[in-house]
């Protein structure tokens, strides 16, 4: 089973455990929530690579970090756990950071079973500095697969952890820069557009520009923790080319359609075109088609490039059948929404390649 599916099962199980015991103490939280996650990340709790209550020398005294994950006897990840009955605060963050700094450990995980935060030591600076790489709840563990993967034994050994962190930090820096320069960006866009269209539209353009920056920030924040590192395959591997996004449809265990491309939105559009033209998808859905619960405000497919409320689809692909597909979505949402459609016509859907 893949880590993605493992994390989904882990999340469902953990949510139920917390629901049944909302005031779970620290000892039970460790055994039922924290240790199963450590195991999923490839660290065997009963092996010598995992040390419980690892001693950390702090000044003239000694403190204990709950878990030290080791390679060749050296701690590489510290895990500090609290009970579900204990809200996490700044003091808990400082506690873990001080342990990491004192020992020189690059990675840290803080959790009370409900909330999780991953820290990485900033190796680009001479001053000790632990950066928050990701912060999320138990409900969103599956969508934070990639920062969690950075803590896995495999990623630590291969160096992939560093690549994951660099990608996430690059997106975080972009978000910070956009927030800081939002007003200037909106002003620049307004100036360019009013040169062409005239001053009468300046206020509307400025509002739209600010809205665009806000939407971009929201999309980037979602993508920050969902940014996969594309692993290079060996020459002996048979599969998609580097950078390809692949979607396969199957029925009764047999593949009936495969599409691949180096652009997510185009691959997604090819999938939907096939479903409309060959599998009569439009007979199974209502247009506009709103994904998920069907209660949202954005259409995934419509007969015009607009949403039900009249707003424009800010990112869309025109389908060969004259319909429009919303593609201004992060990778996880593209997969989630696109996978709803084959089910409508009795097909199974599988994503591979660079997804």
Foldseek 3Di string as FASTA:
>chain_A
DDLLVVLVVLLVQLVVVCVVPVQFFFVCCCVNFVVVLLVSLPADCPDPQKDAQDWFDDPPDIGTFGIFGHDPPAGQETEHEGASNDDDDPVQVVVQLVRCVRRVHAWYWYYNSFKIWIWGFPPVDPDTDIDTLDIDTSNCRSLLSLQSNLPHPVCVVVVVNVVLSVQLVVLVVVLVVLVVCVQVQLVVQLVVVCVPVNPVCSVVSSVVSSVVSVLVSVQSVSCSSNADDADDDDPPDDDDDAQKKKKFKAAPPDTDDIFIDNDLQVRLLVLVLCCVPPQVLPVQADPQDDFDPSPDFAGQKHLDQATPVGHGLPAWDQHPVNMIGRDPHDPVVSVVRSQVRVVSRRIGMDIDHND
